[in-house]
Amino acid sequence: MANEDVNKEIEQLKKDLSGLQNDIRNLTGTLKSAGIEQGKATYERARQQGEQWRQKGEDAIGSVGQAIDEKPVTSVLTAFGTGFVIGLLLNQKRQ
């Protein structure tokens, strides 16, 4: 009788372990899916942010180009003056 009880308990433990293995498989599958979805969402947000920054950069370049086209002499004098001032500042630091 004691052997039968032990055998029944062993069989029950085997069933419980099998159930635990299935639960762990399901849990890891769910975690994997959640991680993949989170990664895709993060990638998409980063892609959209990069696209916005690229567009803003292109707009800024376009507006600078337009300003140069509209006032070329002023643009050249501004660039020259800025370069001159930066040169003076850098030269003072060397001395």
C-alpha atoms as a PDB file:
ATOM      1  CA  MET A   1       0.000   0.000   0.000  1.00  0.00           C
ATOM      2  CA  ALA A   2       2.829   2.390   0.793  1.00  0.00           C
ATOM      3  CA  ASN A   3       4.397   1.699  -2.615  1.00  0.00           C
ATOM      4  CA  GLU A   4       1.112   2.539  -4.353  1.00  0.00           C
ATOM      5  CA  ASP A   5       0.895   5.859  -2.503  1.00  0.00           C
ATOM      6  CA  VAL A   6       4.501   6.690  -3.396  1.00  0.00           C
ATOM      7  CA  ASN A   7       3.894   5.775  -7.041  1.00  0.00           C
ATOM      8  CA  LYS A   8       0.749   7.919  -7.127  1.00  0.00           C
ATOM      9  CA  GLU A   9       2.648  10.835  -5.639  1.00  0.00           C
ATOM     10  CA  ILE A  10       5.465  10.400  -8.153  1.00  0.00           C
ATOM     11  CA  GLU A  11       2.963  10.360 -11.023  1.00  0.00           C
ATOM     12  CA  GLN A  12       1.293  13.470  -9.617  1.00  0.00           C
ATOM     13  CA  LEU A  13       4.690  15.198  -9.353  1.00  0.00           C
ATOM     14  CA  LYS A  14       5.435  14.280 -12.976  1.00  0.00           C
ATOM     15  CA  LYS A  15       2.116  15.811 -14.048  1.00  0.00           C
ATOM     16  CA  ASP A  16       2.774  18.923 -11.967  1.00  0.00           C
ATOM     17  CA  LEU A  17       6.274  19.318 -13.452  1.00  0.00           C
ATOM     18  CA  SER A  18       4.891  18.889 -16.937  1.00  0.00           C
ATOM     19  CA  GLY A  19       2.314  21.583 -16.225  1.00  0.00           C
ATOM     20  CA  LEU A  20       5.021  23.872 -14.876  1.00  0.00           C
ATOM     21  CA  GLN A  21       7.108  23.327 -18.005  1.00  0.00           C
ATOM     22  CA  ASN A  22       4.150  24.314 -20.175  1.00  0.00           C
ATOM     23  CA  ASP A  23       3.482  27.367 -18.019  1.00  0.00           C
ATOM     24  CA  ILE A  24       7.121  28.436 -18.307  1.00  0.00           C
ATOM     25  CA  ARG A  25       7.048  27.940 -22.102  1.00  0.00           C
ATOM     26  CA  ASN A  26       3.916  30.053 -22.357  1.00  0.00           C
ATOM     27  CA  LEU A  27       5.348  32.733 -20.090  1.00  0.00           C
ATOM     28  CA  THR A  28       8.617  32.994 -22.023  1.00  0.00           C
ATOM     29  CA  GLY A  29       6.683  33.145 -25.285  1.00  0.00           C
ATOM     30  CA  THR A  30       4.536  35.947 -23.923  1.00  0.00           C
ATOM     31  CA  LEU A  31       7.567  37.853 -22.623  1.00  0.00           C
ATOM     32  CA  LYS A  32       9.320  37.412 -25.951  1.00  0.00           C
ATOM     33  CA  SER A  33       6.309  38.737 -27.842  1.00  0.00           C
ATOM     34  CA  ALA A  34       5.992  41.692 -25.475  1.00  0.00           C
ATOM     35  CA  GLY A  35       9.688  42.481 -25.881  1.00  0.00           C
ATOM     36  CA  ILE A  36       9.450  42.338 -29.658  1.00  0.00           C
ATOM     37  CA  GLU A  37       6.416  44.620 -29.677  1.00  0.00           C
ATOM     38  CA  GLN A  38       8.120  47.073 -27.302  1.00  0.00           C
ATOM     39  CA  GLY A  39      11.207  47.060 -29.512  1.00  0.00           C
ATOM     40  CA  LYS A  40       9.130  47.752 -32.616  1.00  0.00           C
ATOM     41  CA  ALA A  41       7.300  50.607 -30.893  1.00  0.00           C
ATOM     42  CA  THR A  42      10.567  52.142 -29.679  1.00  0.00           C
ATOM     43  CA  TYR A  43      12.097  51.825 -33.143  1.00  0.00           C
ATOM     44  CA  GLU A  44       9.066  53.514 -34.718  1.00  0.00           C
ATOM     45  CA  ARG A  45       9.174  56.413 -32.233  1.00  0.00           C
ATOM     46  CA  ALA A  46      12.902  56.885 -32.875  1.00  0.00           C
ATOM     47  CA  ARG A  47      12.356  56.758 -36.638  1.00  0.00           C
ATOM     48  CA  GLN A  48       9.608  59.381 -36.443  1.00  0.00           C
ATOM     49  CA  GLN A  49      11.752  61.637 -34.233  1.00  0.00           C
ATOM     50  CA  GLY A  50      14.665  61.284 -36.649  1.00  0.00           C
ATOM     51  CA  GLU A  51      12.395  62.177 -39.542  1.00  0.00           C
ATOM     52  CA  GLN A  52      11.191  65.298 -37.703  1.00  0.00           C
ATOM     53  CA  TRP A  53      14.773  66.380 -36.991  1.00  0.00           C
ATOM     54  CA  ARG A  54      15.768  65.751 -40.597  1.00  0.00           C
ATOM     55  CA  GLN A  55      12.847  67.845 -41.812  1.00  0.00           C
ATOM     56  CA  LYS A  56      13.708  70.676 -39.408  1.00  0.00           C
ATOM     57  CA  GLY A  57      17.326  70.582 -40.608  1.00  0.00           C
ATOM     58  CA  GLU A  58      16.253  70.721 -44.240  1.00  0.00           C
ATOM     59  CA  ASP A  59      13.921  73.626 -43.449  1.00  0.00           C
ATOM     60  CA  ALA A  60      16.729  75.505 -41.679  1.00  0.00           C
ATOM     61  CA  ILE A  61      19.099  74.940 -44.583  1.00  0.00           C
ATOM     62  CA  GLY A  62      16.424  76.090 -46.994  1.00  0.00           C
ATOM     63  CA  SER A  63      15.755  79.274 -45.018  1.00  0.00           C
ATOM     64  CA  VAL A  64      19.475  80.074 -44.829  1.00  0.00           C
ATOM     65  CA  GLY A  65      19.805  79.481 -48.555  1.00  0.00           C
ATOM     66  CA  GLN A  66      16.804  81.711 -49.188  1.00  0.00           C
ATOM     67  CA  ALA A  67      18.257  84.478 -47.006  1.00  0.00           C
ATOM     68  CA  ILE A  68      21.552  84.271 -48.906  1.00  0.00           C
ATOM     69  CA  ASP A  69      19.708  84.448 -52.234  1.00  0.00           C
ATOM     70  CA  GLU A  70      17.667  87.446 -51.088  1.00  0.00           C
ATOM     71  CA  LYS A  71      20.568  89.412 -49.572  1.00  0.00           C
ATOM     72  CA  PRO A  72      23.887  88.072 -50.880  1.00  0.00           C
ATOM     73  CA  VAL A  73      25.989  91.090 -49.912  1.00  0.00           C
ATOM     74  CA  THR A  74      24.617  91.154 -46.374  1.00  0.00           C
ATOM     75  CA  SER A  75      25.227  87.398 -46.090  1.00  0.00           C
ATOM     76  CA  VAL A  76      28.848  87.702 -47.236  1.00  0.00           C
ATOM     77  CA  LEU A  77      29.506  90.611 -44.873  1.00  0.00           C
ATOM     78  CA  THR A  78      27.887  88.743 -41.974  1.00  0.00           C
ATOM     79  CA  ALA A  79      29.984  85.645 -42.657  1.00  0.00           C
ATOM     80  CA  PHE A  80      33.133  87.751 -42.948  1.00  0.00           C
ATOM     81  CA  GLY A  81      32.377  89.655 -39.731  1.00  0.00           C
ATOM     82  CA  THR A  82      31.607  86.467 -37.816  1.00  0.00           C
ATOM     83  CA  GLY A  83      34.813  84.843 -39.027  1.00  0.00           C
ATOM     84  CA  PHE A  84      36.814  87.934 -38.149  1.00  0.00           C
ATOM     85  CA  VAL A  85      35.450  88.068 -34.590  1.00  0.00           C
ATOM     86  CA  ILE A  86      36.034  84.332 -34.055  1.00  0.00           C
ATOM     87  CA  GLY A  87      39.586  84.785 -35.388  1.00  0.00           C
ATOM     88  CA  LEU A  88      40.247  87.610 -32.952  1.00  0.00           C
ATOM     89  CA  LEU A  89      38.893  85.580 -30.034  1.00  0.00           C
ATOM     90  CA  LEU A  90      40.999  82.555 -30.926  1.00  0.00           C
ATOM     91  CA  ASN A  91      44.084  84.691 -31.433  1.00  0.00           C
ATOM     92  CA  GLN A  92      43.664  86.264 -27.969  1.00  0.00           C
ATOM     93  CA  LYS A  93      43.498  82.835 -26.356  1.00  0.00           C
ATOM     94  CA  ARG A  94      46.841  81.867 -27.906  1.00  0.00           C
ATOM     95  CA  GLN A  95      48.642  84.890 -26.477  1.00  0.00           C
END
